[in-house]
C-alpha atoms as a PDB file:
ATOM      1  CA  UNK A   1      -5.746 144.153   9.241  1.00  0.00           C
ATOM      2  CA  UNK A   2      -4.961 144.257   5.603  1.00  0.00           C
ATOM      3  CA  UNK A   3      -4.499 141.210   3.448  1.00  0.00           C
ATOM      4  CA  UNK A   4      -0.707 141.678   3.047  1.00  0.00           C
ATOM      5  CA  UNK A   5       0.222 141.658   6.759  1.00  0.00           C
ATOM      6  CA  UNK A   6      -2.120 138.641   7.319  1.00  0.00           C
ATOM      7  CA  UNK A   7      -0.278 136.620   4.736  1.00  0.00           C
ATOM      8  CA  UNK A   8       3.055 137.533   6.202  1.00  0.00           C
ATOM      9  CA  UNK A   9       1.970 136.425   9.683  1.00  0.00           C
ATOM     10  CA  UNK A  10       0.843 133.013   8.397  1.00  0.00           C
ATOM     11  CA  UNK A  11       4.105 132.494   6.603  1.00  0.00           C
ATOM     12  CA  UNK A  12       6.133 133.288   9.750  1.00  0.00           C
ATOM     13  CA  UNK A  13       4.031 130.954  11.865  1.00  0.00           C
ATOM     14  CA  UNK A  14       4.392 128.101   9.377  1.00  0.00           C
ATOM     15  CA  UNK A  15       8.183 128.578   9.269  1.00  0.00           C
ATOM     16  CA  UNK A  16       8.392 128.368  13.073  1.00  0.00           C
ATOM     17  CA  UNK A  17       6.424 125.135  13.182  1.00  0.00           C
ATOM     18  CA  UNK A  18       8.650 123.562  10.592  1.00  0.00           C
ATOM     19  CA  UNK A  19      11.771 124.518  12.551  1.00  0.00           C
ATOM     20  CA  UNK A  20      10.486 122.978  15.750  1.00  0.00           C
ATOM     21  CA  UNK A  21       9.489 119.819  13.934  1.00  0.00           C
ATOM     22  CA  UNK A  22      12.891 119.383  12.257  1.00  0.00           C
ATOM     23  CA  UNK A  23      14.867 119.772  15.496  1.00  0.00           C
ATOM     24  CA  UNK A  24      12.888 117.050  17.224  1.00  0.00           C
ATOM     25  CA  UNK A  25      13.390 114.574  14.462  1.00  0.00           C
ATOM     26  CA  UNK A  26      17.193 114.977  14.600  1.00  0.00           C
ATOM     27  CA  UNK A  27      17.397 114.500  18.408  1.00  0.00           C
ATOM     28  CA  UNK A  28      18.527 110.940  19.132  1.00  0.00           C
ATOM     29  CA  UNK A  29      17.201 110.954  22.687  1.00  0.00           C
ATOM     30  CA  UNK A  30      13.727 111.991  21.649  1.00  0.00           C
ATOM     31  CA  UNK A  31      13.540 109.374  18.878  1.00  0.00           C
ATOM     32  CA  UNK A  32      12.087 105.980  19.881  1.00  0.00           C
ATOM     33  CA  UNK A  33      14.703 103.290  20.297  1.00  0.00           C
ATOM     34  CA  UNK A  34      15.033 100.976  17.344  1.00  0.00           C
ATOM     35  CA  UNK A  35      14.117  97.336  17.910  1.00  0.00           C
ATOM     36  CA  UNK A  36      17.221  95.160  18.105  1.00  0.00           C
ATOM     37  CA  UNK A  37      17.773  93.074  15.031  1.00  0.00           C
ATOM     38  CA  UNK A  38      17.566  89.334  15.700  1.00  0.00           C
ATOM     39  CA  UNK A  39      19.513  86.926  13.549  1.00  0.00           C
ATOM     40  CA  UNK A  40      19.000  83.159  13.540  1.00  0.00           C
ATOM     41  CA  UNK A  41      22.167  81.144  14.026  1.00  0.00           C
ATOM     42  CA  UNK A  42      23.271  79.174  11.022  1.00  0.00           C
ATOM     43  CA  UNK A  43      22.141  75.583  11.215  1.00  0.00           C
ATOM     44  CA  UNK A  44      25.032  73.131  11.161  1.00  0.00           C
ATOM     45  CA  UNK A  45      24.622  70.106   8.913  1.00  0.00           C
ATOM     46  CA  UNK A  46      23.931  66.922  10.861  1.00  0.00           C
ATOM     47  CA  UNK A  47      26.690  64.317  10.767  1.00  0.00           C
ATOM     48  CA  UNK A  48      24.360  61.419  11.678  1.00  0.00           C
ATOM     49  CA  UNK A  49      23.221  59.273   8.746  1.00  0.00           C
ATOM     50  CA  UNK A  50      19.602  59.509   7.885  1.00  0.00           C
ATOM     51  CA  UNK A  51      17.610  56.689   9.440  1.00  0.00           C
ATOM     52  CA  UNK A  52      16.287  54.121   7.025  1.00  0.00           C
ATOM     53  CA  UNK A  53      12.551  53.894   6.850  1.00  0.00           C
ATOM     54  CA  UNK A  54      11.382  50.995   8.967  1.00  0.00           C
ATOM     55  CA  UNK A  55       9.510  48.210   7.194  1.00  0.00           C
ATOM     56  CA  UNK A  56       6.461  47.003   8.956  1.00  0.00           C
ATOM     57  CA  UNK A  57       5.846  43.262   8.479  1.00  0.00           C
ATOM     58  CA  UNK A  58       2.377  42.086   9.110  1.00  0.00           C
ATOM     59  CA  UNK A  59       2.419  38.445  10.246  1.00  0.00           C
ATOM     60  CA  UNK A  60       0.220  36.172   8.246  1.00  0.00           C
ATOM     61  CA  UNK A  61      -1.591  33.105   9.427  1.00  0.00           C
ATOM     62  CA  UNK A  62       0.897  30.794   7.671  1.00  0.00           C
ATOM     63  CA  UNK A  63       3.904  32.512   9.308  1.00  0.00           C
ATOM     64  CA  UNK A  64       2.424  32.217  12.764  1.00  0.00           C
ATOM     65  CA  UNK A  65       3.478  28.852  14.242  1.00  0.00           C
ATOM     66  CA  UNK A  66       0.544  26.824  15.360  1.00  0.00           C
ATOM     67  CA  UNK A  67       0.701  24.097  17.923  1.00  0.00           C
ATOM     68  CA  UNK A  68       0.360  20.594  16.362  1.00  0.00           C
ATOM     69  CA  UNK A  69      -2.938  18.888  16.773  1.00  0.00           C
ATOM     70  CA  UNK A  70      -2.837  16.122  19.351  1.00  0.00           C
ATOM     71  CA  UNK A  71      -2.566  12.685  17.774  1.00  0.00           C
ATOM     72  CA  UNK A  72      -4.388   9.701  19.096  1.00  0.00           C
ATOM     73  CA  UNK A  73      -2.139   7.058  20.596  1.00  0.00           C
ATOM     74  CA  UNK A  74      -2.228   3.761  18.693  1.00  0.00           C
ATOM     75  CA  UNK A  75      -3.967   0.966  20.448  1.00  0.00           C
ATOM     76  CA  UNK A  76      -1.797  -1.952  21.392  1.00  0.00           C
ATOM     77  CA  UNK A  77      -2.973  -5.508  21.155  1.00  0.00           C
ATOM     78  CA  UNK A  78      -1.941  -8.065  23.651  1.00  0.00           C
ATOM     79  CA  UNK A  79       0.259 -10.693  22.112  1.00  0.00           C
ATOM     80  CA  UNK A  80      -1.508 -14.011  21.892  1.00  0.00           C
ATOM     81  CA  UNK A  81      -4.722 -12.812  23.493  1.00  0.00           C
ATOM     82  CA  UNK A  82      -6.134 -10.300  21.013  1.00  0.00           C
ATOM     83  CA  UNK A  83      -3.699 -10.302  18.072  1.00  0.00           C
ATOM     84  CA  UNK A  84      -5.066 -12.293  15.099  1.00  0.00           C
ATOM     85  CA  UNK A  85      -3.238 -15.463  14.239  1.00  0.00           C
ATOM     86  CA  UNK A  86      -3.022 -15.809  10.456  1.00  0.00           C
ATOM     87  CA  UNK A  87      -1.670 -19.374  10.374  1.00  0.00           C
ATOM     88  CA  UNK A  88      -4.841 -21.127  11.597  1.00  0.00           C
ATOM     89  CA  UNK A  89      -6.816 -19.212   8.979  1.00  0.00           C
ATOM     90  CA  UNK A  90      -4.425 -20.289   6.203  1.00  0.00           C
ATOM     91  CA  UNK A  91      -4.542 -23.861   7.477  1.00  0.00           C
ATOM     92  CA  UNK A  92      -8.329 -23.808   7.437  1.00  0.00           C
ATOM     93  CA  UNK A  93      -8.298 -22.647   3.807  1.00  0.00           C
ATOM     94  CA  UNK A  94      -6.061 -25.564   2.864  1.00  0.00           C
ATOM     95  CA  UNK A  95      -8.111 -28.188   4.708  1.00  0.00           C
ATOM     96  CA  UNK A  96     -11.313 -26.836   3.158  1.00  0.00           C
ATOM     97  CA  UNK A  97     -10.294 -28.305  -0.232  1.00  0.00           C
ATOM     98  CA  UNK A  98     -10.055 -31.895   1.013  1.00  0.00           C
ATOM     99  CA  UNK A  99     -12.862 -34.119  -0.227  1.00  0.00           C
ATOM    100  CA  UNK A 100     -15.157 -35.936   2.169  1.00  0.00           C
ATOM    101  CA  UNK A 101     -15.484 -39.719   1.862  1.00  0.00           C
ATOM    102  CA  UNK A 102     -18.895 -39.415   0.221  1.00  0.00           C
ATOM    103  CA  UNK A 103     -17.553 -36.929  -2.361  1.00  0.00           C
ATOM    104  CA  UNK A 104     -14.887 -39.283  -3.713  1.00  0.00           C
ATOM    105  CA  UNK A 105     -16.142 -41.297  -6.717  1.00  0.00           C
ATOM    106  CA  UNK A 106     -16.860 -44.908  -5.704  1.00  0.00           C
ATOM    107  CA  UNK A 107     -14.677 -47.615  -7.204  1.00  0.00           C
ATOM    108  CA  UNK A 108     -15.061 -50.686  -5.016  1.00  0.00           C
ATOM    109  CA  UNK A 109     -17.689 -49.841  -2.405  1.00  0.00           C
ATOM    110  CA  UNK A 110     -18.011 -46.975   0.037  1.00  0.00           C
ATOM    111  CA  UNK A 111     -14.989 -45.015   1.119  1.00  0.00           C
ATOM    112  CA  UNK A 112     -13.808 -44.320   4.670  1.00  0.00           C
ATOM    113  CA  UNK A 113     -11.480 -41.379   5.292  1.00  0.00           C
ATOM    114  CA  UNK A 114      -8.853 -40.384   7.813  1.00  0.00           C
ATOM    115  CA  UNK A 115      -6.495 -37.417   7.881  1.00  0.00           C
ATOM    116  CA  UNK A 116      -2.778 -38.172   7.593  1.00  0.00           C
ATOM    117  CA  UNK A 117      -0.197 -36.504   9.809  1.00  0.00           C
ATOM    118  CA  UNK A 118       2.562 -36.448   7.181  1.00  0.00           C
ATOM    119  CA  UNK A 119       2.483 -35.833   3.450  1.00  0.00           C
ATOM    120  CA  UNK A 120       2.833 -38.978   1.367  1.00  0.00           C
ATOM    121  CA  UNK A 121       4.217 -39.143  -2.137  1.00  0.00           C
ATOM    122  CA  UNK A 122       1.256 -39.486  -4.458  1.00  0.00           C
ATOM    123  CA  UNK A 123       1.670 -42.049  -7.195  1.00  0.00           C
ATOM    124  CA  UNK A 124       4.666 -43.994  -8.367  1.00  0.00           C
ATOM    125  CA  UNK A 125       5.744 -41.133 -10.642  1.00  0.00           C
ATOM    126  CA  UNK A 126       6.115 -38.533  -7.867  1.00  0.00           C
ATOM    127  CA  UNK A 127       9.746 -38.389  -6.799  1.00  0.00           C
ATOM    128  CA  UNK A 128       9.484 -36.290  -3.623  1.00  0.00           C
ATOM    129  CA  UNK A 129       6.791 -34.669  -1.457  1.00  0.00           C
ATOM    130  CA  UNK A 130       5.484 -31.290  -2.608  1.00  0.00           C
ATOM    131  CA  UNK A 131       7.232 -29.560   0.286  1.00  0.00           C
ATOM    132  CA  UNK A 132      10.582 -30.157  -1.439  1.00  0.00           C
ATOM    133  CA  UNK A 133       9.442 -28.228  -4.541  1.00  0.00           C
ATOM    134  CA  UNK A 134       8.143 -25.147  -2.778  1.00  0.00           C
ATOM    135  CA  UNK A 135       4.960 -26.030  -0.887  1.00  0.00           C
ATOM    136  CA  UNK A 136       4.616 -23.957   2.281  1.00  0.00           C
ATOM    137  CA  UNK A 137       2.088 -26.242   3.931  1.00  0.00           C
ATOM    138  CA  UNK A 138      -0.158 -29.162   3.018  1.00  0.00           C
ATOM    139  CA  UNK A 139      -3.123 -31.169   4.210  1.00  0.00           C
ATOM    140  CA  UNK A 140      -3.660 -34.814   3.309  1.00  0.00           C
ATOM    141  CA  UNK A 141      -6.454 -37.366   3.588  1.00  0.00           C
ATOM    142  CA  UNK A 142      -6.314 -41.114   2.994  1.00  0.00           C
ATOM    143  CA  UNK A 143      -9.318 -43.134   1.799  1.00  0.00           C
ATOM    144  CA  UNK A 144      -9.874 -46.856   1.825  1.00  0.00           C
ATOM    145  CA  UNK A 145     -12.511 -49.249   0.498  1.00  0.00           C
ATOM    146  CA  UNK A 146     -12.756 -52.969  -0.277  1.00  0.00           C
ATOM    147  CA  UNK A 147      -9.876 -53.591  -2.682  1.00  0.00           C
ATOM    148  CA  UNK A 148      -9.107 -49.890  -3.347  1.00  0.00           C
ATOM    149  CA  UNK A 149      -7.185 -47.025  -1.839  1.00  0.00           C
ATOM    150  CA  UNK A 150      -7.020 -43.315  -2.504  1.00  0.00           C
ATOM    151  CA  UNK A 151      -5.107 -40.314  -1.242  1.00  0.00           C
ATOM    152  CA  UNK A 152      -5.525 -36.566  -1.658  1.00  0.00           C
ATOM    153  CA  UNK A 153      -2.939 -33.865  -0.924  1.00  0.00           C
ATOM    154  CA  UNK A 154      -3.730 -30.137  -0.946  1.00  0.00           C
ATOM    155  CA  UNK A 155      -0.598 -27.967  -0.922  1.00  0.00           C
ATOM    156  CA  UNK A 156      -0.373 -24.194  -0.630  1.00  0.00           C
ATOM    157  CA  UNK A 157       2.513 -22.336  -2.263  1.00  0.00           C
ATOM    158  CA  UNK A 158       3.784 -18.814  -1.790  1.00  0.00           C
ATOM    159  CA  UNK A 159       2.002 -17.511  -4.894  1.00  0.00           C
ATOM    160  CA  UNK A 160       0.296 -18.667  -8.079  1.00  0.00           C
ATOM    161  CA  UNK A 161       3.544 -18.678 -10.065  1.00  0.00           C
ATOM    162  CA  UNK A 162       5.188 -21.067  -7.598  1.00  0.00           C
ATOM    163  CA  UNK A 163       2.183 -23.390  -7.851  1.00  0.00           C
ATOM    164  CA  UNK A 164       2.463 -23.272 -11.655  1.00  0.00           C
ATOM    165  CA  UNK A 165       6.131 -24.290 -11.489  1.00  0.00           C
ATOM    166  CA  UNK A 166       5.280 -27.229  -9.237  1.00  0.00           C
ATOM    167  CA  UNK A 167       2.609 -28.293 -11.733  1.00  0.00           C
ATOM    168  CA  UNK A 168       5.229 -28.307 -14.461  1.00  0.00           C
ATOM    169  CA  UNK A 169       7.537 -30.418 -12.291  1.00  0.00           C
ATOM    170  CA  UNK A 170       4.809 -33.024 -11.795  1.00  0.00           C
ATOM    171  CA  UNK A 171       4.276 -33.201 -15.563  1.00  0.00           C
ATOM    172  CA  UNK A 172       8.025 -33.687 -16.108  1.00  0.00           C
ATOM    173  CA  UNK A 173       8.115 -36.504 -13.568  1.00  0.00           C
ATOM    174  CA  UNK A 174       5.366 -38.285 -15.487  1.00  0.00           C
ATOM    175  CA  UNK A 175       7.298 -38.051 -18.765  1.00  0.00           C
ATOM    176  CA  UNK A 176      10.140 -40.299 -17.606  1.00  0.00           C
ATOM    177  CA  UNK A 177       8.171 -42.299 -15.072  1.00  0.00           C
ATOM    178  CA  UNK A 178       8.308 -45.737 -16.753  1.00  0.00           C
ATOM    179  CA  UNK A 179      11.988 -45.483 -17.548  1.00  0.00           C
ATOM    180  CA  UNK A 180      12.837 -44.233 -14.062  1.00  0.00           C
ATOM    181  CA  UNK A 181      10.888 -47.038 -12.393  1.00  0.00           C
ATOM    182  CA  UNK A 182      12.805 -49.604 -14.424  1.00  0.00           C
ATOM    183  CA  UNK A 183       9.587 -51.286 -15.466  1.00  0.00           C
ATOM    184  CA  UNK A 184       9.203 -51.195 -19.242  1.00  0.00           C
ATOM    185  CA  UNK A 185       5.909 -53.039 -18.914  1.00  0.00           C
ATOM    186  CA  UNK A 186       4.341 -50.201 -16.975  1.00  0.00           C
ATOM    187  CA  UNK A 187       1.849 -48.349 -19.073  1.00  0.00           C
ATOM    188  CA  UNK A 188       1.907 -44.595 -18.372  1.00  0.00           C
ATOM    189  CA  UNK A 189      -0.918 -42.896 -20.177  1.00  0.00           C
ATOM    190  CA  UNK A 190      -0.819 -39.403 -21.642  1.00  0.00           C
ATOM    191  CA  UNK A 191      -1.407 -36.305 -19.542  1.00  0.00           C
ATOM    192  CA  UNK A 192      -4.843 -35.061 -20.562  1.00  0.00           C
ATOM    193  CA  UNK A 193      -6.615 -31.831 -19.706  1.00  0.00           C
ATOM    194  CA  UNK A 194      -9.644 -31.934 -17.427  1.00  0.00           C
ATOM    195  CA  UNK A 195     -12.436 -29.430 -17.922  1.00  0.00           C
ATOM    196  CA  UNK A 196     -13.012 -27.782 -14.519  1.00  0.00           C
ATOM    197  CA  UNK A 197     -15.153 -24.812 -13.391  1.00  0.00           C
ATOM    198  CA  UNK A 198     -12.228 -23.212 -11.508  1.00  0.00           C
ATOM    199  CA  UNK A 199      -8.478 -23.573 -12.051  1.00  0.00           C
ATOM    200  CA  UNK A 200      -6.479 -25.861 -14.359  1.00  0.00           C
ATOM    201  CA  UNK A 201      -6.963 -29.623 -14.264  1.00  0.00           C
ATOM    202  CA  UNK A 202      -5.209 -32.607 -15.797  1.00  0.00           C
ATOM    203  CA  UNK A 203      -4.994 -36.376 -15.250  1.00  0.00           C
ATOM    204  CA  UNK A 204      -3.322 -39.536 -16.493  1.00  0.00           C
ATOM    205  CA  UNK A 205      -3.623 -43.255 -15.878  1.00  0.00           C
ATOM    206  CA  UNK A 206      -0.875 -45.749 -15.175  1.00  0.00           C
ATOM    207  CA  UNK A 207      -1.313 -49.498 -15.210  1.00  0.00           C
ATOM    208  CA  UNK A 208       0.766 -52.458 -14.222  1.00  0.00           C
ATOM    209  CA  UNK A 209       0.079 -56.170 -13.916  1.00  0.00           C
ATOM    210  CA  UNK A 210      -1.276 -55.833 -10.367  1.00  0.00           C
ATOM    211  CA  UNK A 211      -2.800 -52.375 -10.106  1.00  0.00           C
ATOM    212  CA  UNK A 212      -4.384 -49.567 -12.080  1.00  0.00           C
ATOM    213  CA  UNK A 213      -3.949 -46.015 -10.871  1.00  0.00           C
ATOM    214  CA  UNK A 214      -5.522 -42.773 -11.889  1.00  0.00           C
ATOM    215  CA  UNK A 215      -3.832 -39.516 -10.909  1.00  0.00           C
ATOM    216  CA  UNK A 216      -5.587 -36.133 -11.051  1.00  0.00           C
ATOM    217  CA  UNK A 217      -3.954 -32.702 -10.688  1.00  0.00           C
ATOM    218  CA  UNK A 218      -5.715 -29.408 -10.003  1.00  0.00           C
ATOM    219  CA  UNK A 219      -4.068 -25.996  -9.770  1.00  0.00           C
ATOM    220  CA  UNK A 220      -6.013 -22.962  -8.583  1.00  0.00           C
ATOM    221  CA  UNK A 221      -4.181 -19.810  -7.557  1.00  0.00           C
ATOM    222  CA  UNK A 222      -1.511 -20.695  -5.000  1.00  0.00           C
ATOM    223  CA  UNK A 223      -3.023 -24.155  -4.368  1.00  0.00           C
ATOM    224  CA  UNK A 224      -2.071 -27.451  -5.982  1.00  0.00           C
ATOM    225  CA  UNK A 225      -4.090 -30.635  -5.385  1.00  0.00           C
ATOM    226  CA  UNK A 226      -3.228 -34.238  -6.158  1.00  0.00           C
ATOM    227  CA  UNK A 227      -5.778 -37.047  -6.096  1.00  0.00           C
ATOM    228  CA  UNK A 228      -4.707 -40.664  -6.639  1.00  0.00           C
ATOM    229  CA  UNK A 229      -7.103 -43.608  -6.848  1.00  0.00           C
ATOM    230  CA  UNK A 230      -5.713 -47.161  -7.024  1.00  0.00           C
ATOM    231  CA  UNK A 231      -7.501 -50.479  -7.381  1.00  0.00           C
ATOM    232  CA  UNK A 232      -7.031 -53.914  -8.842  1.00  0.00           C
ATOM    233  CA  UNK A 233      -7.389 -53.997 -12.651  1.00  0.00           C
ATOM    234  CA  UNK A 234     -10.586 -56.003 -12.297  1.00  0.00           C
ATOM    235  CA  UNK A 235     -12.130 -53.376  -9.986  1.00  0.00           C
ATOM    236  CA  UNK A 236     -10.944 -50.218 -11.675  1.00  0.00           C
ATOM    237  CA  UNK A 237     -13.562 -48.721 -14.076  1.00  0.00           C
ATOM    238  CA  UNK A 238     -12.719 -49.160 -17.745  1.00  0.00           C
ATOM    239  CA  UNK A 239     -15.177 -46.732 -19.330  1.00  0.00           C
ATOM    240  CA  UNK A 240     -14.527 -43.647 -17.182  1.00  0.00           C
ATOM    241  CA  UNK A 241     -11.760 -42.139 -15.071  1.00  0.00           C
ATOM    242  CA  UNK A 242     -12.515 -41.696 -11.319  1.00  0.00           C
ATOM    243  CA  UNK A 243      -9.539 -39.343 -10.896  1.00  0.00           C
ATOM    244  CA  UNK A 244     -11.000 -36.915 -13.453  1.00  0.00           C
ATOM    245  CA  UNK A 245     -14.303 -36.859 -11.585  1.00  0.00           C
ATOM    246  CA  UNK A 246     -12.437 -36.214  -8.325  1.00  0.00           C
ATOM    247  CA  UNK A 247     -10.561 -33.259  -9.882  1.00  0.00           C
ATOM    248  CA  UNK A 248     -13.849 -31.630 -10.948  1.00  0.00           C
ATOM    249  CA  UNK A 249     -15.295 -32.046  -7.466  1.00  0.00           C
ATOM    250  CA  UNK A 250     -12.220 -30.526  -5.821  1.00  0.00           C
ATOM    251  CA  UNK A 251     -12.442 -27.594  -8.227  1.00  0.00           C
ATOM    252  CA  UNK A 252     -15.920 -26.769  -6.900  1.00  0.00           C
ATOM    253  CA  UNK A 253     -14.448 -26.124  -3.440  1.00  0.00           C
ATOM    254  CA  UNK A 254     -12.578 -23.024  -4.677  1.00  0.00           C
END
């Protein structure tokens, strides 16, 4: 076979193949079915409000309530049996400043002492007992010797200022003593300071035709003490004052 017929045969064969191929591509039954198209539905906007972010609170130790600690029940004292009684203690403090018989300066022999139940007025110049000028309580002791007498009163006031006021009242009573007694011949001596280790001391002497009296005053804190010593003019010491010595000795009891 020559070259020209061989070329023609190849061309015819190629044309036939192309025809068969084109007819198959246009046949809808022979073509593979197309995959159905899927479409997502449109999402509708939500009408619910967006939830607020929750806030987590961590409890602290201070926020957590704690049960109160049990408290101890107060102890109760039986009335009268175990409860302390302050009045006997205060009374003992007052009595402790009374002089013993041997501690009072001698004037006319040895002294004997006895406690008095009621408070006497000390000296002719004292108008009223100390209880009427603020004393809360008092203790008193009476002394006696041959031809002489003496008395001591220890009074306790509410505070030191009240005792100071009472001291001033006693000094005022002394100022008009002779005139108030109606005895111009009575000799009321000046109120003189007494040097004492504790407190404030003073004394004065009064004299009449029949008796001579020395009065001593001591103030220490809320306490006020009066000491009066009386004897006949012939027995009463002339060179020294027994009441001043008594005031110094009372001062040592504080």
